[in-house]
Amino acid sequence: MISAKLSSKFQLAIPKSIRDQLDLKAGQQFTLIAKGDIIELVPVRSLSAARGSFKGCNPDDYRDHQDRI
């Protein structure tokens, strides 16, 4: 388990092994989500980085059309 220490200025350094694994860059933005006693850091990615992530997905029969009035 990798750990980090909160500084007196409430700053937290992300260990190098995690930065390398997630390809994080200096100055990158994060969304912070509090879930009970857990803080989740989610890197903000650009829309261009998401391009192609659903390639090959078939949207047919995704929605049940019976709910229409």
C-alpha atoms as a PDB file:
ATOM      1  CA  MET A   1       0.000   0.000   0.000  1.00  0.00           C
ATOM      2  CA  ILE A   2       1.354   3.396  -0.988  1.00  0.00           C
ATOM      3  CA  SER A   3       0.798   6.241   1.462  1.00  0.00           C
ATOM      4  CA  ALA A   4       1.214  10.021   1.472  1.00  0.00           C
ATOM      5  CA  LYS A   5       1.342  12.604   4.239  1.00  0.00           C
ATOM      6  CA  LEU A   6      -0.740  15.782   4.416  1.00  0.00           C
ATOM      7  CA  SER A   7       1.546  18.798   4.987  1.00  0.00           C
ATOM      8  CA  SER A   8       0.953  21.636   7.443  1.00  0.00           C
ATOM      9  CA  LYS A   9      -0.267  23.669   4.438  1.00  0.00           C
ATOM     10  CA  PHE A  10      -2.832  20.910   3.655  1.00  0.00           C
ATOM     11  CA  GLN A  11      -0.943  19.822   0.545  1.00  0.00           C
ATOM     12  CA  LEU A  12      -0.651  16.218  -0.544  1.00  0.00           C
ATOM     13  CA  ALA A  13       2.057  14.874  -2.857  1.00  0.00           C
ATOM     14  CA  ILE A  14       1.091  12.030  -5.201  1.00  0.00           C
ATOM     15  CA  PRO A  15       3.844   9.383  -5.179  1.00  0.00           C
ATOM     16  CA  LYS A  16       5.876   8.929  -8.385  1.00  0.00           C
ATOM     17  CA  SER A  17       4.710   5.360  -8.965  1.00  0.00           C
ATOM     18  CA  ILE A  18       1.065   6.547  -9.055  1.00  0.00           C
ATOM     19  CA  ARG A  19       1.917   9.570 -11.250  1.00  0.00           C
ATOM     20  CA  ASP A  20       3.691   7.318 -13.745  1.00  0.00           C
ATOM     21  CA  GLN A  21       0.928   4.693 -13.714  1.00  0.00           C
ATOM     22  CA  LEU A  22      -1.807   7.277 -14.422  1.00  0.00           C
ATOM     23  CA  ASP A  23       0.352   9.532 -16.644  1.00  0.00           C
ATOM     24  CA  LEU A  24      -0.302  12.589 -14.456  1.00  0.00           C
ATOM     25  CA  LYS A  25       1.339  15.912 -15.299  1.00  0.00           C
ATOM     26  CA  ALA A  26       2.260  18.928 -13.152  1.00  0.00           C
ATOM     27  CA  GLY A  27      -0.545  21.487 -13.062  1.00  0.00           C
ATOM     28  CA  GLN A  28      -3.212  18.942 -13.998  1.00  0.00           C
ATOM     29  CA  GLN A  29      -6.701  19.570 -12.610  1.00  0.00           C
ATOM     30  CA  PHE A  30      -8.613  17.081 -10.416  1.00  0.00           C
ATOM     31  CA  THR A  31     -12.183  16.726  -9.274  1.00  0.00           C
ATOM     32  CA  LEU A  32     -12.441  15.810  -5.581  1.00  0.00           C
ATOM     33  CA  ILE A  33     -15.333  13.659  -4.437  1.00  0.00           C
ATOM     34  CA  ALA A  34     -15.992  12.988  -0.742  1.00  0.00           C
ATOM     35  CA  LYS A  35     -17.590   9.609  -0.022  1.00  0.00           C
ATOM     36  CA  GLY A  36     -17.939   9.213   3.734  1.00  0.00           C
ATOM     37  CA  ASP A  37     -14.368   9.022   5.079  1.00  0.00           C
ATOM     38  CA  ILE A  38     -12.883   8.568   1.599  1.00  0.00           C
ATOM     39  CA  ILE A  39     -11.605  11.323  -0.716  1.00  0.00           C
ATOM     40  CA  GLU A  40     -11.562  10.326  -4.370  1.00  0.00           C
ATOM     41  CA  LEU A  41      -9.314  12.260  -6.784  1.00  0.00           C
ATOM     42  CA  VAL A  42     -10.481  12.075 -10.397  1.00  0.00           C
ATOM     43  CA  PRO A  43      -8.189  13.561 -13.063  1.00  0.00           C
ATOM     44  CA  VAL A  44      -9.997  15.998 -15.358  1.00  0.00           C
ATOM     45  CA  ARG A  45      -9.408  14.859 -18.919  1.00  0.00           C
ATOM     46  CA  SER A  46     -10.092  16.845 -22.069  1.00  0.00           C
ATOM     47  CA  LEU A  47     -12.817  15.793 -24.481  1.00  0.00           C
ATOM     48  CA  SER A  48     -10.167  15.086 -27.099  1.00  0.00           C
ATOM     49  CA  ALA A  49      -8.573  12.543 -24.712  1.00  0.00           C
ATOM     50  CA  ALA A  50     -11.913  10.695 -24.521  1.00  0.00           C
ATOM     51  CA  ARG A  51     -12.233  10.511 -28.302  1.00  0.00           C
ATOM     52  CA  GLY A  52     -12.499   6.915 -29.473  1.00  0.00           C
ATOM     53  CA  SER A  53     -13.147   5.418 -26.031  1.00  0.00           C
ATOM     54  CA  PHE A  54     -16.519   4.037 -27.195  1.00  0.00           C
ATOM     55  CA  LYS A  55     -15.280   2.861 -30.567  1.00  0.00           C
ATOM     56  CA  GLY A  56     -16.951  -0.379 -31.564  1.00  0.00           C
ATOM     57  CA  CYS A  57     -19.899  -0.014 -29.179  1.00  0.00           C
ATOM     58  CA  ASN A  58     -23.270  -0.928 -30.626  1.00  0.00           C
ATOM     59  CA  PRO A  59     -26.064   1.415 -29.437  1.00  0.00           C
ATOM     60  CA  ASP A  60     -28.829  -0.748 -30.980  1.00  0.00           C
ATOM     61  CA  ASP A  61     -31.364  -2.019 -28.443  1.00  0.00           C
ATOM     62  CA  TYR A  62     -29.782   0.133 -25.741  1.00  0.00           C
ATOM     63  CA  ARG A  63     -33.029   1.816 -24.785  1.00  0.00           C
ATOM     64  CA  ASP A  64     -36.333   0.136 -24.104  1.00  0.00           C
ATOM     65  CA  HIS A  65     -38.732   1.973 -26.415  1.00  0.00           C
ATOM     66  CA  GLN A  66     -41.764   0.641 -24.526  1.00  0.00           C
ATOM     67  CA  ASP A  67     -41.529   3.560 -22.059  1.00  0.00           C
ATOM     68  CA  ARG A  68     -42.696   6.039 -24.696  1.00  0.00           C
ATOM     69  CA  ILE A  69     -46.246   7.384 -24.414  1.00  0.00           C
END
